[in-house]
């Protein structure tokens, strides 16, 4: 015998309405609980930065400039809450990277480690496809490093005065190496020759490594080198360090006197670096970046890390940097013309 189940009673319209109301509440209540966070997200959706930043460095990885960039990038990333990705774009003494950033979208997301070469020296040597002043905005970061004058130990000179005397006794016989024609260390040698009344022969090499190797091997007799690169060779006796180009003695080598102490002034051509963005970048982005830079530079650990590489770091406002850059542009233009420097 078959039993058919009784049909279930159909819910009333009022019952259906109640169930729909409960279902709607079940969906709405969690959203309501999330509403403050969602509203905050919507309110800050357009805030800078909303994504990763690109930090263009005009040199290959591994050098002092790359060290500056990566130290700065990590700390900026911590403060901005977004990755700051280092993009090494070596080539043409920094011109490739500098032009790339000059033409980048001015949205605050592309930064440049500006360098003395493209921003102060190259415009005096050749036509460049950017304006070193008008195409960039400075972001309140400035770092500089000075150099040391070293000679091959076969040279009968253990002081700047002895070097000058030997050079005057043998005009045109003393070679000085540099990382290339028009590089800041080339200009340092030209300034030194002009200040001391000596006639030196410039020998350009393709980079500071080959130039240093030339002095170590005696192919060239002198070079203005980075302090950190030269000190190990000086301490081992492979070269003789005669003077540092900084205004005061370096804490890394307090036993080496300055050029100023030895009566040679106005010859320093320090390597300097600055953080920049394309001009016309949004004001809010520039303001945020400057605030983060000031925070990073105020950090003693950051300054100490760079000081151990003979790099002095400080904040420098847009106004201060503009005055400094214009003075350097005029200075190096004069040196290039008076020394008759031409690119190879």
C-alpha atoms as a PDB file:
ATOM      1  CA  UNK A   1       0.000   0.000   0.000  1.00  0.00           C
ATOM      2  CA  UNK A   2       1.411   3.210  -1.087  1.00  0.00           C
ATOM      3  CA  UNK A   3       1.335   6.295   1.124  1.00  0.00           C
ATOM      4  CA  UNK A   4       1.586   9.658  -0.574  1.00  0.00           C
ATOM      5  CA  UNK A   5       3.177  12.409   1.497  1.00  0.00           C
ATOM      6  CA  UNK A   6       0.970  15.256   2.371  1.00  0.00           C
ATOM      7  CA  UNK A   7       1.717  18.475   0.473  1.00  0.00           C
ATOM      8  CA  UNK A   8       3.590  21.053   2.539  1.00  0.00           C
ATOM      9  CA  UNK A   9       1.717  24.223   3.239  1.00  0.00           C
ATOM     10  CA  UNK A  10       2.902  27.124   1.105  1.00  0.00           C
ATOM     11  CA  UNK A  11       4.319  30.012   3.121  1.00  0.00           C
ATOM     12  CA  UNK A  12       2.263  33.104   3.344  1.00  0.00           C
ATOM     13  CA  UNK A  13       3.372  36.324   1.696  1.00  0.00           C
ATOM     14  CA  UNK A  14       4.120  37.703   5.159  1.00  0.00           C
ATOM     15  CA  UNK A  15       6.408  34.733   5.880  1.00  0.00           C
ATOM     16  CA  UNK A  16       8.290  35.178   2.614  1.00  0.00           C
ATOM     17  CA  UNK A  17       8.804  38.836   3.351  1.00  0.00           C
ATOM     18  CA  UNK A  18      10.201  38.030   6.806  1.00  0.00           C
ATOM     19  CA  UNK A  19      12.649  35.500   5.378  1.00  0.00           C
ATOM     20  CA  UNK A  20      13.820  37.934   2.734  1.00  0.00           C
ATOM     21  CA  UNK A  21      14.312  40.591   5.385  1.00  0.00           C
ATOM     22  CA  UNK A  22      16.429  38.227   7.513  1.00  0.00           C
ATOM     23  CA  UNK A  23      18.508  37.238   4.468  1.00  0.00           C
ATOM     24  CA  UNK A  24      19.084  40.870   3.600  1.00  0.00           C
ATOM     25  CA  UNK A  25      20.148  41.634   7.164  1.00  0.00           C
ATOM     26  CA  UNK A  26      22.577  38.714   7.061  1.00  0.00           C
ATOM     27  CA  UNK A  27      24.275  40.346   4.082  1.00  0.00           C
ATOM     28  CA  UNK A  28      24.084  43.920   5.264  1.00  0.00           C
ATOM     29  CA  UNK A  29      25.390  43.431   8.801  1.00  0.00           C
ATOM     30  CA  UNK A  30      28.888  42.211   7.767  1.00  0.00           C
ATOM     31  CA  UNK A  31      29.132  45.033   5.239  1.00  0.00           C
ATOM     32  CA  UNK A  32      28.120  47.505   7.892  1.00  0.00           C
ATOM     33  CA  UNK A  33      30.846  46.165  10.139  1.00  0.00           C
ATOM     34  CA  UNK A  34      33.370  46.767   7.327  1.00  0.00           C
ATOM     35  CA  UNK A  35      31.982  50.150   6.356  1.00  0.00           C
ATOM     36  CA  UNK A  36      34.552  52.303   8.247  1.00  0.00           C
ATOM     37  CA  UNK A  37      37.497  50.499   6.594  1.00  0.00           C
ATOM     38  CA  UNK A  38      35.852  50.635   3.196  1.00  0.00           C
ATOM     39  CA  UNK A  39      35.054  54.302   3.562  1.00  0.00           C
ATOM     40  CA  UNK A  40      38.668  54.964   4.604  1.00  0.00           C
ATOM     41  CA  UNK A  41      39.956  53.032   1.595  1.00  0.00           C
ATOM     42  CA  UNK A  42      37.699  55.023  -0.694  1.00  0.00           C
ATOM     43  CA  UNK A  43      38.805  58.268   0.909  1.00  0.00           C
ATOM     44  CA  UNK A  44      42.511  57.455   0.477  1.00  0.00           C
ATOM     45  CA  UNK A  45      42.261  55.732  -2.906  1.00  0.00           C
ATOM     46  CA  UNK A  46      43.840  58.724  -4.650  1.00  0.00           C
ATOM     47  CA  UNK A  47      46.518  59.340  -2.022  1.00  0.00           C
ATOM     48  CA  UNK A  48      50.189  59.221  -3.036  1.00  0.00           C
ATOM     49  CA  UNK A  49      51.743  56.726  -3.374  1.00  0.00           C
ATOM     50  CA  UNK A  50      49.231  54.117  -4.473  1.00  0.00           C
ATOM     51  CA  UNK A  51      51.754  51.796  -6.133  1.00  0.00           C
ATOM     52  CA  UNK A  52      55.462  51.030  -6.436  1.00  0.00           C
ATOM     53  CA  UNK A  53      57.956  53.760  -7.324  1.00  0.00           C
ATOM     54  CA  UNK A  54      60.785  53.452  -9.848  1.00  0.00           C
ATOM     55  CA  UNK A  55      64.207  54.775  -8.785  1.00  0.00           C
ATOM     56  CA  UNK A  56      66.495  55.169 -11.809  1.00  0.00           C
ATOM     57  CA  UNK A  57      70.242  55.005 -11.087  1.00  0.00           C
ATOM     58  CA  UNK A  58      72.644  56.112 -13.854  1.00  0.00           C
ATOM     59  CA  UNK A  59      75.266  53.452 -13.098  1.00  0.00           C
ATOM     60  CA  UNK A  60      75.660  49.689 -12.927  1.00  0.00           C
ATOM     61  CA  UNK A  61      75.020  47.858  -9.632  1.00  0.00           C
ATOM     62  CA  UNK A  62      77.794  47.617  -7.086  1.00  0.00           C
ATOM     63  CA  UNK A  63      79.350  51.095  -7.000  1.00  0.00           C
ATOM     64  CA  UNK A  64      79.138  53.834  -4.393  1.00  0.00           C
ATOM     65  CA  UNK A  65      76.280  55.544  -6.202  1.00  0.00           C
ATOM     66  CA  UNK A  66      74.325  52.285  -6.263  1.00  0.00           C
ATOM     67  CA  UNK A  67      74.971  51.928  -2.528  1.00  0.00           C
ATOM     68  CA  UNK A  68      73.501  55.392  -1.946  1.00  0.00           C
ATOM     69  CA  UNK A  69      70.440  54.602  -4.056  1.00  0.00           C
ATOM     70  CA  UNK A  70      69.676  51.260  -2.420  1.00  0.00           C
ATOM     71  CA  UNK A  71      70.186  52.609   1.094  1.00  0.00           C
ATOM     72  CA  UNK A  72      67.829  55.475   0.322  1.00  0.00           C
ATOM     73  CA  UNK A  73      65.299  53.327  -1.550  1.00  0.00           C
ATOM     74  CA  UNK A  74      64.843  50.871   1.311  1.00  0.00           C
ATOM     75  CA  UNK A  75      64.212  53.585   3.853  1.00  0.00           C
ATOM     76  CA  UNK A  76      61.892  55.524   1.557  1.00  0.00           C
ATOM     77  CA  UNK A  77      59.929  52.341   0.954  1.00  0.00           C
ATOM     78  CA  UNK A  78      59.504  51.826   4.691  1.00  0.00           C
ATOM     79  CA  UNK A  79      58.057  55.314   5.105  1.00  0.00           C
ATOM     80  CA  UNK A  80      55.948  55.442   1.956  1.00  0.00           C
ATOM     81  CA  UNK A  81      54.445  51.993   2.426  1.00  0.00           C
ATOM     82  CA  UNK A  82      55.183  51.074  -1.183  1.00  0.00           C
ATOM     83  CA  UNK A  83      58.158  49.370  -2.877  1.00  0.00           C
ATOM     84  CA  UNK A  84      60.844  51.691  -4.256  1.00  0.00           C
ATOM     85  CA  UNK A  85      62.435  49.644  -7.040  1.00  0.00           C
ATOM     86  CA  UNK A  86      66.001  50.476  -8.109  1.00  0.00           C
ATOM     87  CA  UNK A  87      66.430  50.477 -11.891  1.00  0.00           C
ATOM     88  CA  UNK A  88      70.121  50.625 -12.917  1.00  0.00           C
ATOM     89  CA  UNK A  89      70.400  52.334 -16.324  1.00  0.00           C
ATOM     90  CA  UNK A  90      74.112  52.764 -17.023  1.00  0.00           C
ATOM     91  CA  UNK A  91      75.340  54.430 -20.191  1.00  0.00           C
ATOM     92  CA  UNK A  92      76.996  57.557 -21.586  1.00  0.00           C
ATOM     93  CA  UNK A  93      78.256  58.733 -18.212  1.00  0.00           C
ATOM     94  CA  UNK A  94      74.756  58.979 -16.775  1.00  0.00           C
ATOM     95  CA  UNK A  95      73.106  60.668 -19.757  1.00  0.00           C
ATOM     96  CA  UNK A  96      70.914  57.655 -20.578  1.00  0.00           C
ATOM     97  CA  UNK A  97      69.250  57.555 -17.162  1.00  0.00           C
ATOM     98  CA  UNK A  98      69.000  61.324 -16.839  1.00  0.00           C
ATOM     99  CA  UNK A  99      67.270  61.737 -20.194  1.00  0.00           C
ATOM    100  CA  UNK A 100      64.957  58.822 -19.423  1.00  0.00           C
ATOM    101  CA  UNK A 101      63.689  60.488 -16.244  1.00  0.00           C
ATOM    102  CA  UNK A 102      63.465  63.909 -17.880  1.00  0.00           C
ATOM    103  CA  UNK A 103      61.015  62.370 -20.383  1.00  0.00           C
ATOM    104  CA  UNK A 104      59.135  60.211 -17.861  1.00  0.00           C
ATOM    105  CA  UNK A 105      55.514  60.784 -16.912  1.00  0.00           C
ATOM    106  CA  UNK A 106      55.583  63.536 -14.258  1.00  0.00           C
ATOM    107  CA  UNK A 107      53.411  61.698 -11.753  1.00  0.00           C
ATOM    108  CA  UNK A 108      55.835  61.334  -8.838  1.00  0.00           C
ATOM    109  CA  UNK A 109      56.425  57.634  -9.444  1.00  0.00           C
ATOM    110  CA  UNK A 110      59.741  57.956 -11.313  1.00  0.00           C
ATOM    111  CA  UNK A 111      62.780  59.194  -9.406  1.00  0.00           C
ATOM    112  CA  UNK A 112      66.395  59.837 -10.418  1.00  0.00           C
ATOM    113  CA  UNK A 113      69.662  59.652  -8.541  1.00  0.00           C
ATOM    114  CA  UNK A 114      71.022  62.831 -10.080  1.00  0.00           C
ATOM    115  CA  UNK A 115      74.792  62.978 -10.537  1.00  0.00           C
ATOM    116  CA  UNK A 116      77.312  65.787 -11.028  1.00  0.00           C
ATOM    117  CA  UNK A 117      78.210  64.592 -14.536  1.00  0.00           C
ATOM    118  CA  UNK A 118      74.864  64.859 -16.356  1.00  0.00           C
ATOM    119  CA  UNK A 119      73.624  67.735 -14.205  1.00  0.00           C
ATOM    120  CA  UNK A 120      76.676  70.029 -14.154  1.00  0.00           C
ATOM    121  CA  UNK A 121      79.542  68.827 -16.383  1.00  0.00           C
ATOM    122  CA  UNK A 122      78.058  67.179 -19.487  1.00  0.00           C
ATOM    123  CA  UNK A 123      76.070  70.276 -20.545  1.00  0.00           C
ATOM    124  CA  UNK A 124      79.412  72.110 -20.851  1.00  0.00           C
ATOM    125  CA  UNK A 125      80.897  69.341 -22.994  1.00  0.00           C
ATOM    126  CA  UNK A 126      78.140  68.418 -25.416  1.00  0.00           C
ATOM    127  CA  UNK A 127      74.558  68.914 -26.429  1.00  0.00           C
ATOM    128  CA  UNK A 128      72.235  67.053 -24.080  1.00  0.00           C
ATOM    129  CA  UNK A 129      68.599  66.156 -24.724  1.00  0.00           C
ATOM    130  CA  UNK A 130      67.283  67.669 -21.511  1.00  0.00           C
ATOM    131  CA  UNK A 131      67.579  70.865 -19.533  1.00  0.00           C
ATOM    132  CA  UNK A 132      69.555  70.099 -16.342  1.00  0.00           C
ATOM    133  CA  UNK A 133      67.718  72.832 -14.432  1.00  0.00           C
ATOM    134  CA  UNK A 134      64.192  73.125 -15.857  1.00  0.00           C
ATOM    135  CA  UNK A 135      63.441  69.440 -16.453  1.00  0.00           C
ATOM    136  CA  UNK A 136      63.817  68.314 -12.829  1.00  0.00           C
ATOM    137  CA  UNK A 137      62.626  69.110  -9.344  1.00  0.00           C
ATOM    138  CA  UNK A 138      64.929  68.461  -6.389  1.00  0.00           C
ATOM    139  CA  UNK A 139      63.628  66.367  -3.475  1.00  0.00           C
ATOM    140  CA  UNK A 140      65.755  67.764  -0.634  1.00  0.00           C
ATOM    141  CA  UNK A 141      68.466  65.075  -0.702  1.00  0.00           C
ATOM    142  CA  UNK A 142      72.127  65.824  -1.305  1.00  0.00           C
ATOM    143  CA  UNK A 143      75.171  63.580  -0.854  1.00  0.00           C
ATOM    144  CA  UNK A 144      78.792  64.253  -1.700  1.00  0.00           C
ATOM    145  CA  UNK A 145      82.081  62.420  -1.591  1.00  0.00           C
ATOM    146  CA  UNK A 146      85.582  63.793  -1.971  1.00  0.00           C
ATOM    147  CA  UNK A 147      88.730  62.203  -3.330  1.00  0.00           C
ATOM    148  CA  UNK A 148      92.347  61.514  -2.545  1.00  0.00           C
ATOM    149  CA  UNK A 149      95.362  62.347  -4.694  1.00  0.00           C
ATOM    150  CA  UNK A 150      97.622  59.306  -4.966  1.00  0.00           C
ATOM    151  CA  UNK A 151     100.845  58.705  -6.884  1.00  0.00           C
ATOM    152  CA  UNK A 152     102.872  55.663  -7.894  1.00  0.00           C
ATOM    153  CA  UNK A 153     105.581  54.944  -5.261  1.00  0.00           C
ATOM    154  CA  UNK A 154     108.321  55.220  -7.884  1.00  0.00           C
ATOM    155  CA  UNK A 155     107.637  58.957  -8.073  1.00  0.00           C
ATOM    156  CA  UNK A 156     110.007  60.952  -5.797  1.00  0.00           C
ATOM    157  CA  UNK A 157     107.145  62.751  -4.054  1.00  0.00           C
ATOM    158  CA  UNK A 158     105.854  62.276  -0.534  1.00  0.00           C
ATOM    159  CA  UNK A 159     104.033  65.594  -0.318  1.00  0.00           C
ATOM    160  CA  UNK A 160     102.121  67.866  -2.674  1.00  0.00           C
ATOM    161  CA  UNK A 161     105.022  70.337  -2.672  1.00  0.00           C
ATOM    162  CA  UNK A 162     107.416  67.594  -3.807  1.00  0.00           C
ATOM    163  CA  UNK A 163     104.970  66.481  -6.491  1.00  0.00           C
ATOM    164  CA  UNK A 164     104.650  70.023  -7.824  1.00  0.00           C
ATOM    165  CA  UNK A 165     108.428  70.501  -7.820  1.00  0.00           C
ATOM    166  CA  UNK A 166     108.930  67.263  -9.736  1.00  0.00           C
ATOM    167  CA  UNK A 167     106.215  68.143 -12.251  1.00  0.00           C
ATOM    168  CA  UNK A 168     107.761  71.553 -12.873  1.00  0.00           C
ATOM    169  CA  UNK A 169     111.179  69.996 -13.344  1.00  0.00           C
ATOM    170  CA  UNK A 170     109.718  67.557 -15.885  1.00  0.00           C
ATOM    171  CA  UNK A 171     106.967  69.471 -17.748  1.00  0.00           C
ATOM    172  CA  UNK A 172     104.688  67.271 -19.820  1.00  0.00           C
ATOM    173  CA  UNK A 173     106.266  64.086 -18.466  1.00  0.00           C
ATOM    174  CA  UNK A 174     103.795  63.334 -15.695  1.00  0.00           C
ATOM    175  CA  UNK A 175     100.628  61.408 -16.626  1.00  0.00           C
ATOM    176  CA  UNK A 176      97.444  61.569 -14.598  1.00  0.00           C
ATOM    177  CA  UNK A 177      94.724  58.973 -15.118  1.00  0.00           C
ATOM    178  CA  UNK A 178      90.969  59.474 -15.000  1.00  0.00           C
ATOM    179  CA  UNK A 179      87.816  57.490 -15.659  1.00  0.00           C
ATOM    180  CA  UNK A 180      87.302  59.321 -18.953  1.00  0.00           C
ATOM    181  CA  UNK A 181      87.497  62.651 -20.746  1.00  0.00           C
ATOM    182  CA  UNK A 182      85.183  65.154 -19.128  1.00  0.00           C
ATOM    183  CA  UNK A 183      84.690  63.098 -15.956  1.00  0.00           C
ATOM    184  CA  UNK A 184      84.840  65.009 -12.713  1.00  0.00           C
ATOM    185  CA  UNK A 185      88.205  63.436 -11.843  1.00  0.00           C
ATOM    186  CA  UNK A 186      89.570  64.628 -15.183  1.00  0.00           C
ATOM    187  CA  UNK A 187      88.480  68.144 -14.259  1.00  0.00           C
ATOM    188  CA  UNK A 188      90.117  67.747 -10.837  1.00  0.00           C
ATOM    189  CA  UNK A 189      93.448  67.046 -12.536  1.00  0.00           C
ATOM    190  CA  UNK A 190      93.071  70.024 -14.858  1.00  0.00           C
ATOM    191  CA  UNK A 191      92.243  72.296 -11.932  1.00  0.00           C
ATOM    192  CA  UNK A 192      95.243  70.979  -9.994  1.00  0.00           C
ATOM    193  CA  UNK A 193      97.560  71.664 -12.940  1.00  0.00           C
ATOM    194  CA  UNK A 194      96.185  75.188 -13.346  1.00  0.00           C
ATOM    195  CA  UNK A 195      96.426  75.965  -9.621  1.00  0.00           C
ATOM    196  CA  UNK A 196     100.018  74.694  -9.328  1.00  0.00           C
ATOM    197  CA  UNK A 197     101.340  75.979 -12.651  1.00  0.00           C
ATOM    198  CA  UNK A 198     102.306  72.510 -13.824  1.00  0.00           C
ATOM    199  CA  UNK A 199     101.884  70.805 -17.194  1.00  0.00           C
ATOM    200  CA  UNK A 200     100.368  67.370 -16.794  1.00  0.00           C
ATOM    201  CA  UNK A 201      99.270  64.882 -19.435  1.00  0.00           C
ATOM    202  CA  UNK A 202      95.752  63.509 -19.105  1.00  0.00           C
ATOM    203  CA  UNK A 203      95.278  59.810 -19.906  1.00  0.00           C
ATOM    204  CA  UNK A 204      91.598  58.804 -20.014  1.00  0.00           C
ATOM    205  CA  UNK A 205      90.469  55.253 -19.286  1.00  0.00           C
ATOM    206  CA  UNK A 206      87.121  53.530 -19.585  1.00  0.00           C
ATOM    207  CA  UNK A 207      86.151  53.677 -15.954  1.00  0.00           C
ATOM    208  CA  UNK A 208      87.761  54.238 -12.576  1.00  0.00           C
ATOM    209  CA  UNK A 209      88.837  50.580 -12.273  1.00  0.00           C
ATOM    210  CA  UNK A 210      91.120  50.613 -15.345  1.00  0.00           C
ATOM    211  CA  UNK A 211      92.406  54.080 -14.385  1.00  0.00           C
ATOM    212  CA  UNK A 212      93.386  52.864 -10.922  1.00  0.00           C
ATOM    213  CA  UNK A 213      95.013  49.776 -12.422  1.00  0.00           C
ATOM    214  CA  UNK A 214      97.102  52.036 -14.682  1.00  0.00           C
ATOM    215  CA  UNK A 215      98.522  53.871 -11.678  1.00  0.00           C
ATOM    216  CA  UNK A 216      99.145  50.634  -9.794  1.00  0.00           C
ATOM    217  CA  UNK A 217     101.104  49.374 -12.777  1.00  0.00           C
ATOM    218  CA  UNK A 218     103.035  52.612 -13.261  1.00  0.00           C
ATOM    219  CA  UNK A 219     101.483  53.358 -16.658  1.00  0.00           C
ATOM    220  CA  UNK A 220     100.212  56.618 -15.173  1.00  0.00           C
ATOM    221  CA  UNK A 221     101.878  58.339 -12.244  1.00  0.00           C
ATOM    222  CA  UNK A 222      98.950  59.948 -10.442  1.00  0.00           C
ATOM    223  CA  UNK A 223      95.188  59.911 -10.059  1.00  0.00           C
ATOM    224  CA  UNK A 224      92.428  61.541  -8.046  1.00  0.00           C
ATOM    225  CA  UNK A 225      90.630  58.495  -6.673  1.00  0.00           C
ATOM    226  CA  UNK A 226      87.760  57.756  -4.334  1.00  0.00           C
ATOM    227  CA  UNK A 227      88.987  57.470  -0.760  1.00  0.00           C
ATOM    228  CA  UNK A 228      87.507  54.035  -0.150  1.00  0.00           C
ATOM    229  CA  UNK A 229      89.040  52.651  -3.363  1.00  0.00           C
ATOM    230  CA  UNK A 230      92.504  54.116  -2.760  1.00  0.00           C
ATOM    231  CA  UNK A 231      93.021  53.487   0.951  1.00  0.00           C
ATOM    232  CA  UNK A 232      93.681  49.727   0.770  1.00  0.00           C
ATOM    233  CA  UNK A 233      96.366  50.311  -1.877  1.00  0.00           C
ATOM    234  CA  UNK A 234      97.872  53.201   0.082  1.00  0.00           C
ATOM    235  CA  UNK A 235      98.049  51.137   3.280  1.00  0.00           C
ATOM    236  CA  UNK A 236      99.733  48.275   1.444  1.00  0.00           C
ATOM    237  CA  UNK A 237     102.291  50.631  -0.111  1.00  0.00           C
ATOM    238  CA  UNK A 238     101.145  50.127  -3.705  1.00  0.00           C
ATOM    239  CA  UNK A 239     100.400  53.856  -4.011  1.00  0.00           C
ATOM    240  CA  UNK A 240     101.259  56.917  -1.941  1.00  0.00           C
ATOM    241  CA  UNK A 241      98.381  59.101  -0.727  1.00  0.00           C
ATOM    242  CA  UNK A 242      99.412  62.761  -0.743  1.00  0.00           C
ATOM    243  CA  UNK A 243      96.234  64.705  -0.018  1.00  0.00           C
ATOM    244  CA  UNK A 244      92.476  64.544   0.323  1.00  0.00           C
ATOM    245  CA  UNK A 245      90.393  67.057  -1.622  1.00  0.00           C
ATOM    246  CA  UNK A 246      87.809  67.569   1.132  1.00  0.00           C
ATOM    247  CA  UNK A 247      87.624  70.829   3.125  1.00  0.00           C
ATOM    248  CA  UNK A 248      88.809  68.945   6.216  1.00  0.00           C
ATOM    249  CA  UNK A 249      90.569  65.649   6.817  1.00  0.00           C
ATOM    250  CA  UNK A 250      88.569  62.512   6.266  1.00  0.00           C
ATOM    251  CA  UNK A 251      87.671  60.507   9.397  1.00  0.00           C
ATOM    252  CA  UNK A 252      88.532  57.416   7.338  1.00  0.00           C
ATOM    253  CA  UNK A 253      92.108  58.655   6.859  1.00  0.00           C
ATOM    254  CA  UNK A 254      92.892  61.365   9.432  1.00  0.00           C
ATOM    255  CA  UNK A 255      96.626  61.057   8.762  1.00  0.00           C
ATOM    256  CA  UNK A 256      96.305  62.320   5.168  1.00  0.00           C
ATOM    257  CA  UNK A 257      96.407  66.145   4.989  1.00  0.00           C
ATOM    258  CA  UNK A 258      94.090  68.147   2.781  1.00  0.00           C
ATOM    259  CA  UNK A 259      95.153  69.984  -0.355  1.00  0.00           C
ATOM    260  CA  UNK A 260      94.177  73.233   1.359  1.00  0.00           C
ATOM    261  CA  UNK A 261      96.579  72.479   4.207  1.00  0.00           C
ATOM    262  CA  UNK A 262      99.345  72.107   1.647  1.00  0.00           C
ATOM    263  CA  UNK A 263      98.626  75.404  -0.086  1.00  0.00           C
ATOM    264  CA  UNK A 264      96.575  74.217  -3.089  1.00  0.00           C
ATOM    265  CA  UNK A 265      93.042  75.607  -3.056  1.00  0.00           C
ATOM    266  CA  UNK A 266      90.024  75.651  -5.353  1.00  0.00           C
ATOM    267  CA  UNK A 267      90.728  72.327  -7.051  1.00  0.00           C
ATOM    268  CA  UNK A 268      88.097  70.060  -5.479  1.00  0.00           C
ATOM    269  CA  UNK A 269      85.593  68.469  -7.847  1.00  0.00           C
ATOM    270  CA  UNK A 270      83.572  66.295  -5.468  1.00  0.00           C
ATOM    271  CA  UNK A 271      81.209  63.642  -6.697  1.00  0.00           C
ATOM    272  CA  UNK A 272      77.737  64.719  -5.683  1.00  0.00           C
ATOM    273  CA  UNK A 273      74.318  63.136  -5.909  1.00  0.00           C
ATOM    274  CA  UNK A 274      70.770  64.347  -5.443  1.00  0.00           C
ATOM    275  CA  UNK A 275      67.290  62.844  -5.556  1.00  0.00           C
ATOM    276  CA  UNK A 276      65.102  64.274  -8.308  1.00  0.00           C
ATOM    277  CA  UNK A 277      61.784  63.812 -10.079  1.00  0.00           C
ATOM    278  CA  UNK A 278      60.555  65.152 -13.420  1.00  0.00           C
ATOM    279  CA  UNK A 279      59.440  68.752 -13.236  1.00  0.00           C
ATOM    280  CA  UNK A 280      55.670  69.268 -13.211  1.00  0.00           C
ATOM    281  CA  UNK A 281      55.288  66.310 -10.849  1.00  0.00           C
ATOM    282  CA  UNK A 282      52.202  66.766  -8.615  1.00  0.00           C
ATOM    283  CA  UNK A 283      52.740  69.043  -5.657  1.00  0.00           C
ATOM    284  CA  UNK A 284      51.294  66.581  -3.162  1.00  0.00           C
ATOM    285  CA  UNK A 285      53.637  63.834  -4.386  1.00  0.00           C
ATOM    286  CA  UNK A 286      56.668  66.127  -4.233  1.00  0.00           C
ATOM    287  CA  UNK A 287      55.709  67.279  -0.733  1.00  0.00           C
ATOM    288  CA  UNK A 288      55.292  63.702   0.475  1.00  0.00           C
ATOM    289  CA  UNK A 289      58.623  62.624  -1.010  1.00  0.00           C
ATOM    290  CA  UNK A 290      60.431  65.582   0.521  1.00  0.00           C
ATOM    291  CA  UNK A 291      58.964  64.821   3.934  1.00  0.00           C
ATOM    292  CA  UNK A 292      60.150  61.211   3.687  1.00  0.00           C
ATOM    293  CA  UNK A 293      63.612  62.279   2.541  1.00  0.00           C
ATOM    294  CA  UNK A 294      63.952  64.598   5.523  1.00  0.00           C
ATOM    295  CA  UNK A 295      62.920  61.751   7.799  1.00  0.00           C
ATOM    296  CA  UNK A 296      65.513  59.408   6.272  1.00  0.00           C
ATOM    297  CA  UNK A 297      68.335  61.952   6.377  1.00  0.00           C
ATOM    298  CA  UNK A 298      67.592  62.672  10.042  1.00  0.00           C
ATOM    299  CA  UNK A 299      68.262  59.008  10.834  1.00  0.00           C
ATOM    300  CA  UNK A 300      71.720  58.627  12.412  1.00  0.00           C
ATOM    301  CA  UNK A 301      72.105  55.022  11.233  1.00  0.00           C
ATOM    302  CA  UNK A 302      71.571  56.102   7.629  1.00  0.00           C
ATOM    303  CA  UNK A 303      74.102  58.929   7.876  1.00  0.00           C
ATOM    304  CA  UNK A 304      76.633  56.685   9.601  1.00  0.00           C
ATOM    305  CA  UNK A 305      76.249  53.968   6.954  1.00  0.00           C
ATOM    306  CA  UNK A 306      77.094  56.455   4.220  1.00  0.00           C
ATOM    307  CA  UNK A 307      79.865  58.085   6.258  1.00  0.00           C
ATOM    308  CA  UNK A 308      81.626  54.713   6.402  1.00  0.00           C
ATOM    309  CA  UNK A 309      81.792  54.953   2.606  1.00  0.00           C
ATOM    310  CA  UNK A 310      83.221  58.505   2.806  1.00  0.00           C
ATOM    311  CA  UNK A 311      79.859  59.945   1.738  1.00  0.00           C
ATOM    312  CA  UNK A 312      78.434  62.993   3.477  1.00  0.00           C
ATOM    313  CA  UNK A 313      74.652  63.302   3.298  1.00  0.00           C
ATOM    314  CA  UNK A 314      72.428  66.242   4.145  1.00  0.00           C
ATOM    315  CA  UNK A 315      69.081  67.784   3.263  1.00  0.00           C
ATOM    316  CA  UNK A 316      69.218  70.547   0.657  1.00  0.00           C
ATOM    317  CA  UNK A 317      66.106  72.475  -0.314  1.00  0.00           C
ATOM    318  CA  UNK A 318      65.094  73.193  -3.904  1.00  0.00           C
ATOM    319  CA  UNK A 319      66.236  76.789  -3.499  1.00  0.00           C
ATOM    320  CA  UNK A 320      69.613  75.807  -2.047  1.00  0.00           C
ATOM    321  CA  UNK A 321      70.216  73.195  -4.706  1.00  0.00           C
ATOM    322  CA  UNK A 322      69.289  75.582  -7.519  1.00  0.00           C
ATOM    323  CA  UNK A 323      71.915  78.094  -6.355  1.00  0.00           C
ATOM    324  CA  UNK A 324      74.490  75.318  -5.963  1.00  0.00           C
ATOM    325  CA  UNK A 325      73.765  73.736  -9.354  1.00  0.00           C
ATOM    326  CA  UNK A 326      73.887  77.009 -11.285  1.00  0.00           C
ATOM    327  CA  UNK A 327      77.258  77.823  -9.687  1.00  0.00           C
ATOM    328  CA  UNK A 328      78.610  74.397 -10.643  1.00  0.00           C
ATOM    329  CA  UNK A 329      77.334  74.714 -14.218  1.00  0.00           C
ATOM    330  CA  UNK A 330      79.188  78.027 -14.573  1.00  0.00           C
ATOM    331  CA  UNK A 331      82.321  76.660 -12.854  1.00  0.00           C
ATOM    332  CA  UNK A 332      82.687  73.572 -15.021  1.00  0.00           C
ATOM    333  CA  UNK A 333      81.823  75.390 -18.223  1.00  0.00           C
ATOM    334  CA  UNK A 334      84.744  77.715 -17.515  1.00  0.00           C
ATOM    335  CA  UNK A 335      87.111  74.802 -16.776  1.00  0.00           C
ATOM    336  CA  UNK A 336      86.125  72.945 -19.953  1.00  0.00           C
ATOM    337  CA  UNK A 337      86.759  76.019 -22.099  1.00  0.00           C
ATOM    338  CA  UNK A 338      90.028  77.058 -20.475  1.00  0.00           C
ATOM    339  CA  UNK A 339      91.479  73.536 -20.609  1.00  0.00           C
ATOM    340  CA  UNK A 340      90.156  72.920 -24.127  1.00  0.00           C
ATOM    341  CA  UNK A 341      88.545  69.643 -23.042  1.00  0.00           C
ATOM    342  CA  UNK A 342      86.847  67.619 -25.745  1.00  0.00           C
ATOM    343  CA  UNK A 343      85.202  64.267 -25.577  1.00  0.00           C
ATOM    344  CA  UNK A 344      87.080  61.355 -27.140  1.00  0.00           C
END
